[in-house]
Amino acid sequence: MLAVFLDGNVNENEANQVLSAIENDKELTEILSLSEAVDLEVEKGECRILPMRALAAANSENLCSFECEAFILHVLGYDIDHWSLLETAKANNWVREGGTPLHHVGRLLELKGVYVERKYDATLHDIEDALFYFKEVIAVVDRNILEGSKECKHPRFHAVDIRKIEESGAVKYLNLGTMLEEAVENDDFLKAWKCSGNYMVTATKSLNGYNPQPINVEDISLDSNLEDLTEAIAENAHDIWARARMDEGWTYGPVRDDERKEHPDLVPYAQLPDSEKEYDRLMAMNTLRLVRRLGYDIVNHKD
C-alpha cells in the first residue's frame, strides 16, 4: 500500500493507516524520507540521486546482468560452467530473486580476475573510448523506453552488452536472448540510459586505458552542521592510515624513506601540514556528498 500512497492513489482512511504505520516503523520512515527527497530533486528539474541499489532485472528470471557477464567471460576466453557461475553469484548475493543491484554488476568478472571499472554520469564518448581500448561495455538502461515508452517514471532496469556506436549515433547492443545485435536510435538510448544515472561497467583483461572517474558530487551541498563530522572523519581516516603503517613496521622520519620504512606523516593529525589535512578533509567531504548523492541521509540520533 505504501507505493500506492506515494503515488497519491489512496482514500482518507487508507492514508491514515499508512501514516500510522510509518510513525511506528523506522524503515518506512526512512523510505518516506527518501521518497520526499527524490520528489524535491525532481521538482528542481532533475533527480540527482543515483539508483545504486536498484535491480537490473528486465529479462527472464531477472538474469540480464548475469547473462551479460557470462557472455563477456566467454568473449574474453574464460572456460566457465554456466550453472556453477550462477550459483556463485547467488551465494555472494550478487544475483537476488529480484535481479542484480547496479553496484554489483561486474562482480563475477572481478572474481575471474578481469579489470572492471564502474562509472555513473557516463557519456556516449565514454562508451566509444572504452570500445576503442577493446573493453567490453555493459550499460544499464530502461527496457520500457527501448520497447517504445516515452518516459521512465517507473523504469525496468536492464543490463545490455554494447557492441558499437554507429556514425549516425545509433547504439548497437547484443540481444542475449537471440544472440543478434539490435540498434536503438541515439535519442532513445540516451533517454533510456539516463534513468540509471548513465551507468556503465567496462571489463578488460589488461589495464590499458584505465581512466579513474569517481562519481561527480560537485552539485551536492552539505549542511553547515556536518562540518564537525567532516573534521572527525578526516582525523579518523588519518589515524586508520597511520595505524596500518605502524603495524607494517613504519616509524616517524623527517623524510620518507621506503627502505628504512620512515614517513614524515606518522604524527598526530593536529601536527600534519595543512596540505595533508586538506587532503583528508576533501576525502571526508566528498564521502559525505557521495552518501547524499546515493540517496542516503545522515542523522544524528543524539539530537
Foldseek 3Di string as FASTA:
>chain_A
DVVCVLVVNDDPVVVVVLVVVCVVDVVSVLVVVLSVLQVVCVVVPDRLAAQQFDFQAPDPQQCQLVLLLVVVCVVQPHDDDSVVLVVVCVVVVCQDSRHGGNNSRCVSVVVVVKDKDKDFQDDVVVVVLLVVQVKKKKAWFFVVLVVPDDAPPPGNIHIWTWDDQDPQRWTWTADSVVRDIDTDHNVSRVRRRVVNRNMMMIIDNDCPPDDDDDYDLPVFDDDPVCLVVLLVQLQVVLVVVLVVLVVVPADDDCPDDVVNRHHPSNDHPVPDPPVSSVVSSVVSVVVQSVCVSNSGDDDDPVD
